Amino acid sequence: MLISLYARALHSRSENPVLRDPWAEQAVDHVDYDFDSIKLPKIEPLAIAVRAKQFDVWVCEWIADHPESTVLHLGCGLDSRVFRVAPPP
């Protein structure tokens, strides 16, 4: 949970992020944890961001095609997808 949060925050702070995730950035800044102890391969933040972005696209497409549907995000941990896709009420 913390690894994916940290990876999304790292990537979001990069020069040209595929996925902007200010919520992840703020969460990492507020969680009392030594994130420097997480040794991620250099490509990992990008890979996690690309995966999250693809799921965002699929969720947005689903909601557009089924506006009255309910999307349940199970096992999401500290994920901020709901803020990125801005579903209707």
N, C-alpha and C. Protein backbone atom coordinates (compact mmCIF):
# COMPACT_ATOMS: atom_id res chain seq x y z
N MET A 1 0.82 -1.17 0.00
CA MET A 1 0.00 0.00 0.00
C MET A 1 0.89 1.26 0.00
N LEU A 2 1.87 1.30 0.86
CA LEU A 2 2.75 2.47 0.92
C LEU A 2 3.67 2.55 -0.29
N ILE A 3 4.06 1.39 -0.82
CA ILE A 3 4.95 1.39 -1.99
C ILE A 3 4.25 2.02 -3.19
N SER A 4 3.02 1.60 -3.45
CA SER A 4 2.32 2.16 -4.62
C SER A 4 1.99 3.64 -4.40
N LEU A 5 1.64 4.02 -3.17
CA LEU A 5 1.40 5.43 -2.87
C LEU A 5 2.67 6.24 -3.12
N TYR A 6 3.78 5.77 -2.59
CA TYR A 6 5.06 6.46 -2.75
C TYR A 6 5.46 6.54 -4.22
N ALA A 7 5.28 5.46 -4.95
CA ALA A 7 5.63 5.45 -6.37
C ALA A 7 4.79 6.45 -7.16
N ARG A 8 3.49 6.52 -6.87
CA ARG A 8 2.63 7.49 -7.56
C ARG A 8 3.05 8.92 -7.22
N ALA A 9 3.40 9.15 -5.96
CA ALA A 9 3.85 10.49 -5.55
C ALA A 9 5.16 10.86 -6.24
N LEU A 10 6.11 9.93 -6.27
CA LEU A 10 7.40 10.19 -6.94
C LEU A 10 7.18 10.52 -8.41
N HIS A 11 6.37 9.71 -9.07
CA HIS A 11 6.14 9.94 -10.50
C HIS A 11 5.39 11.25 -10.72
N SER A 12 4.42 11.53 -9.87
CA SER A 12 3.65 12.77 -10.01
C SER A 12 4.55 13.99 -9.89
N ARG A 13 5.60 13.88 -9.11
CA ARG A 13 6.54 14.99 -8.93
C ARG A 13 7.60 15.07 -10.04
N SER A 14 7.59 14.11 -10.94
CA SER A 14 8.60 14.11 -12.01
C SER A 14 8.29 15.22 -13.02
N GLU A 15 9.23 15.44 -13.93
CA GLU A 15 9.13 16.55 -14.86
C GLU A 15 7.92 16.47 -15.79
N ASN A 16 7.67 15.31 -16.36
CA ASN A 16 6.53 15.12 -17.29
C ASN A 16 5.72 13.89 -16.88
N PRO A 17 4.94 13.99 -15.83
CA PRO A 17 4.25 12.80 -15.34
C PRO A 17 3.13 12.33 -16.27
N VAL A 18 3.03 11.03 -16.39
CA VAL A 18 1.90 10.40 -17.10
C VAL A 18 0.65 10.56 -16.25
N LEU A 19 0.85 10.54 -14.94
CA LEU A 19 -0.26 10.59 -13.98
C LEU A 19 0.05 11.66 -12.94
N ARG A 20 -0.76 12.71 -12.94
CA ARG A 20 -0.64 13.71 -11.87
C ARG A 20 -1.48 13.23 -10.70
N ASP A 21 -0.87 13.11 -9.55
CA ASP A 21 -1.58 12.62 -8.36
C ASP A 21 -1.20 13.47 -7.15
N PRO A 22 -1.73 14.70 -7.08
CA PRO A 22 -1.39 15.57 -5.96
C PRO A 22 -1.82 14.99 -4.61
N TRP A 23 -2.89 14.19 -4.61
CA TRP A 23 -3.32 13.55 -3.36
C TRP A 23 -2.23 12.62 -2.84
N ALA A 24 -1.61 11.83 -3.71
CA ALA A 24 -0.53 10.93 -3.29
C ALA A 24 0.66 11.74 -2.78
N GLU A 25 0.97 12.83 -3.45
CA GLU A 25 2.07 13.69 -3.00
C GLU A 25 1.80 14.21 -1.59
N GLN A 26 0.60 14.70 -1.35
CA GLN A 26 0.26 15.23 -0.03
C GLN A 26 0.24 14.13 1.02
N ALA A 27 -0.27 12.97 0.66
CA ALA A 27 -0.34 11.86 1.62
C ALA A 27 1.07 11.45 2.06
N VAL A 28 1.99 11.34 1.10
CA VAL A 28 3.37 10.97 1.43
C VAL A 28 3.98 12.01 2.37
N ASP A 29 3.66 13.27 2.14
CA ASP A 29 4.19 14.33 2.99
C ASP A 29 3.63 14.27 4.42
N HIS A 30 2.46 13.65 4.59
CA HIS A 30 1.81 13.62 5.90
C HIS A 30 1.93 12.29 6.64
N VAL A 31 2.35 11.24 5.96
CA VAL A 31 2.49 9.94 6.60
C VAL A 31 3.84 9.88 7.31
N ASP A 32 3.82 9.48 8.55
CA ASP A 32 5.06 9.38 9.34
C ASP A 32 5.73 8.04 9.05
N TYR A 33 6.51 8.03 7.96
CA TYR A 33 7.20 6.81 7.53
C TYR A 33 8.47 7.23 6.81
N ASP A 34 9.51 6.44 6.94
CA ASP A 34 10.78 6.72 6.26
C ASP A 34 10.70 6.17 4.83
N PHE A 35 10.15 6.96 3.91
CA PHE A 35 9.99 6.52 2.53
C PHE A 35 11.34 6.32 1.84
N ASP A 36 12.40 6.93 2.35
CA ASP A 36 13.73 6.71 1.76
C ASP A 36 14.19 5.27 1.94
N SER A 37 13.57 4.56 2.88
CA SER A 37 13.93 3.15 3.09
C SER A 37 13.36 2.24 2.00
N ILE A 38 12.43 2.76 1.22
CA ILE A 38 11.85 1.97 0.12
C ILE A 38 12.78 2.11 -1.08
N LYS A 39 13.35 1.00 -1.45
CA LYS A 39 14.28 1.00 -2.58
C LYS A 39 13.55 0.49 -3.83
N LEU A 40 13.08 1.42 -4.63
CA LEU A 40 12.36 1.08 -5.85
C LEU A 40 13.29 1.09 -7.05
N PRO A 41 13.15 0.12 -7.95
CA PRO A 41 13.87 0.23 -9.21
C PRO A 41 13.45 1.53 -9.90
N LYS A 42 14.33 2.14 -10.63
CA LYS A 42 14.09 3.45 -11.24
C LYS A 42 12.82 3.49 -12.10
N ILE A 43 12.50 2.38 -12.76
CA ILE A 43 11.34 2.32 -13.66
C ILE A 43 10.02 2.12 -12.91
N GLU A 44 10.09 1.68 -11.66
CA GLU A 44 8.88 1.29 -10.91
C GLU A 44 7.84 2.41 -10.77
N PRO A 45 8.22 3.64 -10.40
CA PRO A 45 7.20 4.69 -10.31
C PRO A 45 6.46 4.92 -11.63
N LEU A 46 7.18 4.87 -12.74
CA LEU A 46 6.53 5.02 -14.05
C LEU A 46 5.60 3.85 -14.32
N ALA A 47 6.03 2.64 -14.04
CA ALA A 47 5.19 1.46 -14.29
C ALA A 47 3.91 1.52 -13.47
N ILE A 48 4.01 1.90 -12.22
CA ILE A 48 2.83 2.00 -11.36
C ILE A 48 1.92 3.13 -11.84
N ALA A 49 2.50 4.24 -12.28
CA ALA A 49 1.70 5.36 -12.79
C ALA A 49 0.97 4.99 -14.07
N VAL A 50 1.65 4.29 -14.98
CA VAL A 50 1.02 3.88 -16.24
C VAL A 50 -0.14 2.93 -15.96
N ARG A 51 0.06 1.99 -15.04
CA ARG A 51 -1.00 1.05 -14.68
C ARG A 51 -2.20 1.81 -14.09
N ALA A 52 -1.93 2.73 -13.17
CA ALA A 52 -3.02 3.51 -12.56
C ALA A 52 -3.75 4.35 -13.61
N LYS A 53 -2.99 4.96 -14.52
CA LYS A 53 -3.59 5.77 -15.58
C LYS A 53 -4.50 4.94 -16.47
N GLN A 54 -4.07 3.71 -16.80
CA GLN A 54 -4.90 2.85 -17.64
C GLN A 54 -6.21 2.49 -16.93
N PHE A 55 -6.13 2.18 -15.64
CA PHE A 55 -7.35 1.91 -14.88
C PHE A 55 -8.24 3.15 -14.83
N ASP A 56 -7.65 4.33 -14.70
CA ASP A 56 -8.44 5.57 -14.72
C ASP A 56 -9.19 5.70 -16.04
N VAL A 57 -8.52 5.42 -17.14
CA VAL A 57 -9.15 5.50 -18.46
C VAL A 57 -10.33 4.53 -18.53
N TRP A 58 -10.12 3.28 -18.10
CA TRP A 58 -11.20 2.30 -18.15
C TRP A 58 -12.37 2.72 -17.27
N VAL A 59 -12.09 3.23 -16.09
CA VAL A 59 -13.16 3.68 -15.18
C VAL A 59 -13.92 4.84 -15.80
N CYS A 60 -13.22 5.81 -16.37
CA CYS A 60 -13.88 6.96 -17.00
C CYS A 60 -14.75 6.52 -18.18
N GLU A 61 -14.25 5.59 -18.98
CA GLU A 61 -15.04 5.06 -20.09
C GLU A 61 -16.30 4.36 -19.59
N TRP A 62 -16.14 3.54 -18.55
CA TRP A 62 -17.28 2.80 -17.99
C TRP A 62 -18.34 3.78 -17.47
N ILE A 63 -17.90 4.78 -16.72
CA ILE A 63 -18.84 5.75 -16.16
C ILE A 63 -19.53 6.54 -17.27
N ALA A 64 -18.80 6.90 -18.31
CA ALA A 64 -19.39 7.63 -19.43
C ALA A 64 -20.47 6.80 -20.12
N ASP A 65 -20.20 5.50 -20.27
CA ASP A 65 -21.15 4.61 -20.93
C ASP A 65 -22.29 4.16 -20.02
N HIS A 66 -22.07 4.21 -18.71
CA HIS A 66 -23.05 3.73 -17.72
C HIS A 66 -23.15 4.75 -16.58
N PRO A 67 -23.70 5.94 -16.85
CA PRO A 67 -23.68 7.01 -15.85
C PRO A 67 -24.44 6.70 -14.56
N GLU A 68 -25.35 5.76 -14.59
CA GLU A 68 -26.11 5.42 -13.40
C GLU A 68 -25.48 4.26 -12.63
N SER A 69 -24.33 3.79 -13.07
CA SER A 69 -23.69 2.64 -12.44
C SER A 69 -22.99 3.03 -11.14
N THR A 70 -22.65 2.02 -10.37
CA THR A 70 -21.85 2.19 -9.18
C THR A 70 -20.54 1.46 -9.40
N VAL A 71 -19.44 2.14 -9.21
CA VAL A 71 -18.13 1.52 -9.36
C VAL A 71 -17.58 1.29 -7.96
N LEU A 72 -17.25 0.05 -7.67
CA LEU A 72 -16.71 -0.33 -6.37
C LEU A 72 -15.22 -0.61 -6.53
N HIS A 73 -14.41 0.08 -5.78
CA HIS A 73 -12.96 -0.03 -5.88
C HIS A 73 -12.46 -0.84 -4.68
N LEU A 74 -12.35 -2.14 -4.87
CA LEU A 74 -11.95 -3.04 -3.78
C LEU A 74 -10.43 -3.14 -3.67
N GLY A 75 -9.95 -3.28 -2.46
CA GLY A 75 -8.52 -3.47 -2.24
C GLY A 75 -7.69 -2.31 -2.72
N CYS A 76 -8.22 -1.10 -2.62
CA CYS A 76 -7.55 0.05 -3.22
C CYS A 76 -6.47 0.66 -2.33
N GLY A 77 -6.46 0.31 -1.05
CA GLY A 77 -5.43 0.87 -0.18
C GLY A 77 -5.50 2.38 -0.13
N LEU A 78 -4.39 3.02 -0.37
CA LEU A 78 -4.34 4.48 -0.34
C LEU A 78 -4.38 5.04 -1.76
N ASP A 79 -5.36 4.61 -2.52
CA ASP A 79 -5.48 5.04 -3.91
C ASP A 79 -6.40 6.25 -4.01
N SER A 80 -6.10 7.14 -4.91
CA SER A 80 -6.87 8.38 -5.07
C SER A 80 -7.63 8.44 -6.39
N ARG A 81 -7.93 7.30 -6.95
CA ARG A 81 -8.61 7.26 -8.25
C ARG A 81 -9.89 8.07 -8.24
N VAL A 82 -10.64 8.01 -7.17
CA VAL A 82 -11.91 8.73 -7.13
C VAL A 82 -11.70 10.23 -7.37
N PHE A 83 -10.60 10.78 -6.91
CA PHE A 83 -10.32 12.20 -7.12
C PHE A 83 -9.85 12.46 -8.55
N ARG A 84 -9.21 11.48 -9.17
CA ARG A 84 -8.70 11.66 -10.53
C ARG A 84 -9.79 11.49 -11.58
N VAL A 85 -10.77 10.63 -11.34
CA VAL A 85 -11.80 10.39 -12.36
C VAL A 85 -13.04 11.24 -12.12
N ALA A 86 -13.19 11.82 -10.94
CA ALA A 86 -14.31 12.70 -10.60
C ALA A 86 -15.65 12.15 -11.06
N PRO A 87 -16.08 11.04 -10.48
CA PRO A 87 -17.36 10.45 -10.90
C PRO A 87 -18.54 11.34 -10.54
N PRO A 88 -19.66 11.17 -11.24
CA PRO A 88 -20.84 11.95 -10.89
C PRO A 88 -21.38 11.49 -9.53
N PRO A 89 -22.18 12.32 -8.88
CA PRO A 89 -22.70 11.97 -7.56
C PRO A 89 -23.47 10.66 -7.59
